[in-house]
Structure formats: C-alpha cells, structure tokens
C-alpha cells in the first residue's frame, strides 16, 4: 500500500490527513458570521451543516479505529509488531534453520561489522554455513578487516568467499589488479566475487564492458567462473542478459517471490540479521542448493555440477 500512495507509513498518513481535514472544517465553522437575514446562500450553509458534522464524526471514528489498531498491534513490551519485511526475514531464517530445509544460510561482512567473535558465530543456534568477506574496493581501496576476517573464517571452518566492490567510474583492469594482489584463494574457497551496485557516468555500455572485463580477468587467473552480486532492480535494468554465464548472488528483501524469475544461486534476503558474536546487523543469504552443491562451487573441486560454475579452460 505504501508503494501505491508514495508514503512510508500509510496508517499515519491517513491519521494526519483526517486531523488536518477536521481542523479545516472546524475553522470554517467558527469563522462563519450569522446573518440577520437568511438568503439562499445561508440556507445552503444551514443545510450543509449536518453534512460537515457527519464528516467530522466519520473522521473521528476512523482516527479512533486506526489508533486502536495501532495500539492493539503492540506486544506486552510496548513494541509494535514487526513489519512484513522483518517477518519475511524471520520466516526465512526459521525455514533455513529447519533440518530438512532446501536452503543453506550464510552471511556477508566487511569492516563495518567491527571485531567479530568467531567462536560465537560458530556456536550460533542458526547455523552459518558460509561467509562472504569484502576484500577490496575500486582500484586502490582495501577493507581494513579483510585479512583478519579471512584467516578467522578459515580457522573456524566456514566456507569463505572474497568479494570486490566495483566502482563503475574507475578502470576495471586496475580494479582487478587490486583484488588479485590482495586475495589468495585456496582449495575449498568460493570463486572470486564481484559486487556491482552503482551506475557508471559513462553509461550502461561502458559499465557492462568494465564488468565483463573484470570477470574475464578473474576467470583467467583463478580458473573458475566468478560470482556476480547485485540488486534485483539493478540486475533487471542494467545487467540482465549480459552476465548469464555467471552464478548470480541477488539482493531482494521482500521474499523469495521477488526473485522467482531469476536463476539465482545465492539470495540476500535481509540486511538486518542478528548473529551472536557480531555487534551490528549483518546481511542474511541463502544458497539455492545442497551442501554438496555448495562445496562443488569451490576451488579444487572437480564436480562442478551446474554449468554456471564449470572451470574456465584456457585455450
């Protein structure tokens, strides 16, 4: 509904709308001066009075009803019930956590998460199976926590992957060189990952050329097809039809229905997940296949069962 009327909270919008409407009617009534002689206009005003008062009464009832609904939506601690997005995230986590779940759960992190207590992450009631770790940004940016996070994730037996944040207005070859100088992948690690979220000031054609150049360079160096991360809207409007040969990690926070038309490998379904050992919220991600398939994506594996991550063959 909020998407339709263009406001963030339609309930509060309606409440304030009727309050303003009632105030205007009230001011209209109190500013009317009684005439000595009622002509046609005054008779019209008199007839209109019941309509005005009826409108005020209906407005008051609506405001009262909406207020009551909001009050009833509070729980015992005084907090409002969760939004649809939060419910979706919780339902997704509960579904992922089920022993027969189709999805595996993982997180992605950067220096924004600060110091992570990895033993607590490992002991989480919600099993974390894999971790994506930001390594580099643009042609010279480096995540200050990358090396520690990278080593700690390996020490605690997480399947780990390193991703590069792509800056669309910078040279793509220099960006890949920054990544390659920073990231050393070993058997059991995910393929390199490219994070694309911004438009290029040079246009979509140049953006796609740069992205594909980075992907080709990564594929040649690491011998495996990289993964591409992007948002659903960005994918639909800028990348769809150009990166279909690569595993897709897609971000969309309104449920699996949002990505039903996408052949995704990973789905970032929430950005507000809480995990023990991490002080901030983190992004929650689900993997579309089994643990065997997850491992088959990694370096050193020969059974790359899906065509989207078959090893690159140098001619």
Protein backbone atom coordinates (compact mmCIF):
# COMPACT_ATOMS: atom_id res chain seq x y z
CA UNK A 1 0.00 0.00 0.00
CA UNK A 2 2.80 2.40 0.87
CA UNK A 3 4.17 1.88 -2.62
CA UNK A 4 0.85 2.93 -4.10
CA UNK A 5 0.38 6.20 -2.26
CA UNK A 6 4.04 7.09 -2.09
CA UNK A 7 4.41 7.47 1.67
CA UNK A 8 6.43 5.45 4.12
CA UNK A 9 3.63 4.81 6.65
CA UNK A 10 0.11 4.93 5.13
CA UNK A 11 -1.59 4.49 8.52
CA UNK A 12 0.00 7.61 10.00
CA UNK A 13 -0.59 9.41 6.71
CA UNK A 14 -4.37 8.74 6.92
CA UNK A 15 -4.47 9.77 10.56
CA UNK A 16 -2.82 13.11 9.89
CA UNK A 17 -4.92 13.64 6.76
CA UNK A 18 -8.17 13.39 8.74
CA UNK A 19 -6.80 15.50 11.57
CA UNK A 20 -5.98 18.30 9.12
CA UNK A 21 -9.35 17.86 7.41
CA UNK A 22 -11.21 18.13 10.72
CA UNK A 23 -9.19 21.19 11.71
CA UNK A 24 -10.07 22.94 8.44
CA UNK A 25 -13.79 22.20 8.90
CA UNK A 26 -13.66 23.43 12.49
CA UNK A 27 -12.00 26.69 11.50
CA UNK A 28 -14.57 27.09 8.74
CA UNK A 29 -17.44 26.75 11.22
CA UNK A 30 -16.08 29.11 13.89
CA UNK A 31 -15.30 31.83 11.36
CA UNK A 32 -18.82 31.95 9.94
CA UNK A 33 -20.78 35.07 11.00
CA UNK A 34 -24.54 34.65 11.50
CA UNK A 35 -26.53 36.74 9.06
CA UNK A 36 -29.54 38.82 10.06
CA UNK A 37 -31.44 37.60 7.10
CA UNK A 38 -31.02 34.15 5.68
CA UNK A 39 -30.90 34.26 1.96
CA UNK A 40 -30.35 31.38 -0.40
CA UNK A 41 -26.61 31.15 0.45
CA UNK A 42 -27.28 31.00 4.20
CA UNK A 43 -29.94 28.36 3.71
CA UNK A 44 -27.36 26.33 1.78
CA UNK A 45 -24.92 26.71 4.67
CA UNK A 46 -27.52 25.56 7.12
CA UNK A 47 -28.30 22.50 5.03
CA UNK A 48 -24.62 21.77 4.67
CA UNK A 49 -24.02 21.82 8.44
CA UNK A 50 -25.25 18.22 9.05
CA UNK A 51 -23.00 17.03 6.24
CA UNK A 52 -19.99 18.80 7.78
CA UNK A 53 -20.69 17.42 11.24
CA UNK A 54 -21.24 13.93 9.76
CA UNK A 55 -17.88 14.16 8.03
CA UNK A 56 -16.21 15.24 11.29
CA UNK A 57 -17.84 12.34 13.12
CA UNK A 58 -16.76 9.81 10.48
CA UNK A 59 -13.22 11.22 10.58
CA UNK A 60 -13.13 10.91 14.37
CA UNK A 61 -14.34 7.31 14.16
CA UNK A 62 -11.72 6.43 11.54
CA UNK A 63 -8.92 8.05 13.56
CA UNK A 64 -10.07 6.24 16.67
CA UNK A 65 -10.23 2.95 14.82
CA UNK A 66 -6.77 3.34 13.32
CA UNK A 67 -5.33 4.34 16.69
CA UNK A 68 -6.93 1.32 18.31
CA UNK A 69 -5.47 -0.95 15.66
CA UNK A 70 -2.01 0.51 16.23
CA UNK A 71 -2.34 0.10 19.99
CA UNK A 72 -3.53 -3.49 19.61
CA UNK A 73 -0.53 -4.22 17.39
CA UNK A 74 1.80 -3.61 20.30
CA UNK A 75 3.14 -6.53 22.28
CA UNK A 76 3.47 -6.69 26.05
CA UNK A 77 6.85 -4.94 25.99
CA UNK A 78 5.34 -1.94 24.22
CA UNK A 79 6.98 -2.67 20.86
CA UNK A 80 4.98 -2.64 17.65
CA UNK A 81 4.57 -5.87 15.72
CA UNK A 82 7.25 -6.48 13.14
CA UNK A 83 6.99 -5.19 9.61
CA UNK A 84 6.32 -7.52 6.70
CA UNK A 85 10.00 -7.35 5.76
CA UNK A 86 11.11 -8.31 9.26
CA UNK A 87 8.60 -11.15 9.35
CA UNK A 88 9.89 -12.36 5.99
CA UNK A 89 13.46 -12.32 7.29
CA UNK A 90 12.48 -14.24 10.42
CA UNK A 91 10.42 -16.74 8.46
CA UNK A 92 13.28 -17.21 6.03
CA UNK A 93 15.72 -17.81 8.90
CA UNK A 94 13.37 -20.29 10.54
CA UNK A 95 12.85 -22.04 7.24
CA UNK A 96 16.57 -22.15 6.52
CA UNK A 97 17.28 -23.45 10.01
CA UNK A 98 14.95 -26.43 9.59
CA UNK A 99 16.86 -29.67 9.23
CA UNK A 100 15.03 -30.52 6.01
CA UNK A 101 15.32 -27.02 4.59
CA UNK A 102 16.08 -26.58 0.92
CA UNK A 103 18.31 -23.59 1.67
CA UNK A 104 21.66 -23.13 3.41
CA UNK A 105 22.30 -19.95 5.39
CA UNK A 106 25.30 -17.64 5.24
CA UNK A 107 26.32 -14.03 5.94
CA UNK A 108 28.44 -11.34 4.31
CA UNK A 109 30.67 -8.99 6.26
CA UNK A 110 33.11 -6.08 5.98
CA UNK A 111 34.95 -3.77 8.36
CA UNK A 112 31.57 -2.23 9.21
CA UNK A 113 30.92 -5.24 11.45
CA UNK A 114 33.97 -4.41 13.58
CA UNK A 115 35.72 -7.10 15.59
CA UNK A 116 33.90 -10.41 15.25
CA UNK A 117 33.86 -13.12 17.93
CA UNK A 118 34.08 -16.03 15.54
CA UNK A 119 33.67 -18.76 18.15
CA UNK A 120 30.26 -17.28 19.00
CA UNK A 121 29.30 -17.11 15.33
CA UNK A 122 30.27 -20.78 15.02
CA UNK A 123 28.10 -21.64 18.00
CA UNK A 124 25.03 -19.78 16.76
CA UNK A 125 21.69 -21.58 17.08
CA UNK A 126 21.11 -20.57 13.48
CA UNK A 127 23.91 -22.47 11.68
CA UNK A 128 26.09 -20.26 9.48
CA UNK A 129 27.46 -22.41 6.66
CA UNK A 130 29.31 -19.84 4.57
CA UNK A 131 30.74 -16.31 4.83
CA UNK A 132 31.33 -13.70 2.13
CA UNK A 133 34.08 -11.22 3.11
CA UNK A 134 34.75 -7.87 1.47
CA UNK A 135 38.36 -7.58 0.37
CA UNK A 136 38.77 -4.58 -1.90
CA UNK A 137 37.01 -1.55 -3.37
CA UNK A 138 37.81 0.10 -6.67
CA UNK A 139 41.38 0.38 -7.94
CA UNK A 140 43.05 1.00 -4.58
CA UNK A 141 40.61 0.53 -1.70
CA UNK A 142 41.21 -2.28 0.79
CA UNK A 143 38.92 -3.43 3.57
CA UNK A 144 40.84 -2.90 6.82
CA UNK A 145 39.45 -6.08 8.41
CA UNK A 146 39.77 -8.34 5.39
CA UNK A 147 42.88 -10.33 6.26
CA UNK A 148 41.82 -10.97 9.86
CA UNK A 149 38.28 -11.95 8.83
CA UNK A 150 39.66 -14.13 6.04
CA UNK A 151 42.01 -16.03 8.35
CA UNK A 152 39.46 -16.33 11.17
CA UNK A 153 36.77 -17.68 8.84
CA UNK A 154 39.16 -20.40 7.66
CA UNK A 155 40.23 -21.21 11.22
CA UNK A 156 36.60 -21.77 12.19
CA UNK A 157 35.84 -23.97 9.16
CA UNK A 158 33.45 -21.71 7.30
CA UNK A 159 33.23 -21.93 3.53
CA UNK A 160 34.56 -18.47 2.69
CA UNK A 161 34.49 -16.15 -0.30
CA UNK A 162 36.15 -12.79 -1.04
CA UNK A 163 34.28 -10.04 -2.86
CA UNK A 164 35.37 -6.85 -4.61
CA UNK A 165 33.20 -3.72 -4.55
CA UNK A 166 33.15 -2.41 -8.12
CA UNK A 167 33.48 1.34 -8.67
CA UNK A 168 32.00 1.91 -12.13
CA UNK A 169 33.91 5.09 -12.95
CA UNK A 170 37.35 3.55 -12.34
CA UNK A 171 39.48 1.41 -14.63
CA UNK A 172 38.26 -2.20 -14.39
CA UNK A 173 41.69 -3.73 -15.07
CA UNK A 174 43.26 -1.75 -12.21
CA UNK A 175 40.34 -2.79 -10.01
CA UNK A 176 41.01 -6.44 -10.74
CA UNK A 177 44.72 -5.96 -10.08
CA UNK A 178 43.83 -4.54 -6.66
CA UNK A 179 41.75 -7.64 -5.93
CA UNK A 180 44.34 -10.09 -7.26
CA UNK A 181 47.14 -8.52 -5.22
CA UNK A 182 45.03 -8.78 -2.06
CA UNK A 183 43.19 -12.09 -2.38
CA UNK A 184 44.81 -15.52 -2.50
CA UNK A 185 42.29 -18.31 -2.95
CA UNK A 186 42.94 -21.92 -1.98
CA UNK A 187 41.06 -25.17 -2.42
CA UNK A 188 37.77 -25.02 -0.56
CA UNK A 189 37.24 -21.27 -1.12
CA UNK A 190 34.45 -19.80 -3.21
CA UNK A 191 35.25 -18.34 -6.63
CA UNK A 192 36.06 -14.60 -6.69
CA UNK A 193 33.00 -12.39 -6.31
CA UNK A 194 32.21 -9.05 -7.95
CA UNK A 195 29.79 -6.68 -6.18
CA UNK A 196 28.07 -4.29 -8.63
CA UNK A 197 25.62 -1.70 -7.27
CA UNK A 198 26.31 1.65 -8.97
CA UNK A 199 25.64 3.07 -12.42
CA UNK A 200 28.50 4.45 -14.48
CA UNK A 201 28.64 8.09 -15.51
CA UNK A 202 29.85 6.77 -18.88
CA UNK A 203 26.63 4.84 -19.50
CA UNK A 204 25.44 1.24 -19.30
CA UNK A 205 27.51 0.03 -22.26
CA UNK A 206 30.77 1.08 -20.60
CA UNK A 207 29.56 -0.32 -17.28
CA UNK A 208 28.95 -3.74 -18.80
CA UNK A 209 32.23 -3.69 -20.69
CA UNK A 210 34.12 -2.97 -17.49
CA UNK A 211 32.22 -5.61 -15.51
CA UNK A 212 32.82 -8.29 -18.13
CA UNK A 213 36.49 -7.33 -18.34
CA UNK A 214 36.87 -7.80 -14.56
CA UNK A 215 35.05 -11.15 -14.73
CA UNK A 216 37.16 -12.42 -17.63
CA UNK A 217 40.38 -11.44 -15.87
CA UNK A 218 39.26 -13.19 -12.67
CA UNK A 219 38.19 -16.27 -14.58
CA UNK A 220 41.56 -16.49 -16.31
CA UNK A 221 43.58 -16.06 -13.11
CA UNK A 222 41.63 -18.31 -10.75
CA UNK A 223 40.48 -20.92 -13.30
CA UNK A 224 36.83 -20.77 -12.28
CA UNK A 225 33.84 -18.61 -13.11
CA UNK A 226 33.37 -15.72 -10.67
CA UNK A 227 30.11 -14.96 -8.86
CA UNK A 228 28.25 -11.70 -9.53
CA UNK A 229 26.45 -9.85 -6.72
CA UNK A 230 23.87 -7.18 -7.49
CA UNK A 231 20.41 -5.95 -6.50
CA UNK A 232 17.28 -7.22 -8.22
CA UNK A 233 16.31 -3.84 -9.69
CA UNK A 234 19.88 -3.10 -10.80
CA UNK A 235 20.09 -6.51 -12.44
CA UNK A 236 16.79 -6.04 -14.28
CA UNK A 237 17.64 -2.57 -15.57
CA UNK A 238 21.40 -2.72 -16.25
CA UNK A 239 22.85 -6.25 -16.30
CA UNK A 240 20.18 -8.73 -17.34
CA UNK A 241 21.16 -10.63 -20.46
CA UNK A 242 24.87 -9.83 -20.12
CA UNK A 243 26.05 -11.87 -17.11
CA UNK A 244 24.00 -15.04 -17.50
CA UNK A 245 27.11 -17.26 -17.73
CA UNK A 246 28.00 -16.50 -14.11
CA UNK A 247 26.48 -17.64 -10.79
CA UNK A 248 24.21 -14.86 -9.54
CA UNK A 249 24.04 -13.60 -5.95
CA UNK A 250 20.93 -11.43 -5.96
CA UNK A 251 19.73 -8.99 -3.29
CA UNK A 252 15.99 -8.55 -2.75
CA UNK A 253 14.39 -8.08 0.67
CA UNK A 254 10.72 -8.83 0.02
CA UNK A 255 10.76 -12.60 -0.06
CA UNK A 256 11.59 -15.38 -2.46
CA UNK A 257 8.76 -14.26 -4.73
CA UNK A 258 10.83 -11.22 -5.75
CA UNK A 259 13.48 -13.47 -7.27
CA UNK A 260 11.25 -16.20 -8.70
CA UNK A 261 12.04 -15.04 -12.24
CA UNK A 262 15.82 -15.10 -11.69
CA UNK A 263 18.11 -18.13 -11.96
CA UNK A 264 19.87 -17.24 -8.72
CA UNK A 265 22.50 -19.19 -6.83
CA UNK A 266 22.56 -17.01 -3.69
CA UNK A 267 19.79 -14.76 -2.40
CA UNK A 268 20.48 -11.92 0.02
CA UNK A 269 17.08 -11.83 1.70
CA UNK A 270 17.72 -9.44 4.60
CA UNK A 271 20.15 -6.78 5.79
CA UNK A 272 19.04 -6.84 9.44
CA UNK A 273 20.02 -10.30 10.68
CA UNK A 274 21.46 -10.59 14.19
CA UNK A 275 24.15 -13.20 14.78
CA UNK A 276 25.87 -13.95 18.12
CA UNK A 277 29.41 -12.60 18.16
CA UNK A 278 28.65 -9.71 15.80
CA UNK A 279 27.62 -6.38 17.33
CA UNK A 280 25.95 -4.97 14.20
CA UNK A 281 23.28 -6.29 11.90
CA UNK A 282 24.54 -8.40 9.01
CA UNK A 283 23.14 -9.43 5.65
CA UNK A 284 21.46 -12.83 5.55
CA UNK A 285 21.93 -15.03 2.49
CA UNK A 286 20.52 -18.34 1.37
CA UNK A 287 22.04 -20.83 -1.05
CA UNK A 288 19.70 -22.43 -3.54
CA UNK A 289 21.10 -25.97 -3.49
CA UNK A 290 22.60 -28.56 -1.16
CA UNK A 291 25.81 -28.60 0.86
CA UNK A 292 27.38 -30.88 -1.75
CA UNK A 293 26.49 -28.35 -4.43
CA UNK A 294 27.86 -25.54 -2.28
CA UNK A 295 31.18 -27.34 -1.96
CA UNK A 296 31.18 -28.15 -5.67
CA UNK A 297 31.38 -24.43 -6.39
CA UNK A 298 34.69 -24.14 -4.57
CA UNK A 299 38.21 -24.22 -5.92
CA UNK A 300 39.80 -27.66 -6.04
CA UNK A 301 36.53 -29.48 -6.74
CA UNK A 302 36.15 -31.40 -9.98
CA UNK A 303 32.41 -31.98 -9.85
CA UNK A 304 31.14 -28.55 -10.89
CA UNK A 305 27.62 -29.86 -11.41
CA UNK A 306 25.96 -26.67 -12.65
CA UNK A 307 27.09 -25.09 -15.88
CA UNK A 308 27.27 -21.69 -14.15
CA UNK A 309 30.47 -22.58 -12.31
CA UNK A 310 32.30 -25.00 -14.58
CA UNK A 311 36.08 -24.44 -14.51
CA UNK A 312 37.44 -21.98 -17.04
CA UNK A 313 39.52 -23.74 -19.67
CA UNK A 314 42.44 -21.75 -21.08
CA UNK A 315 42.80 -22.36 -24.82
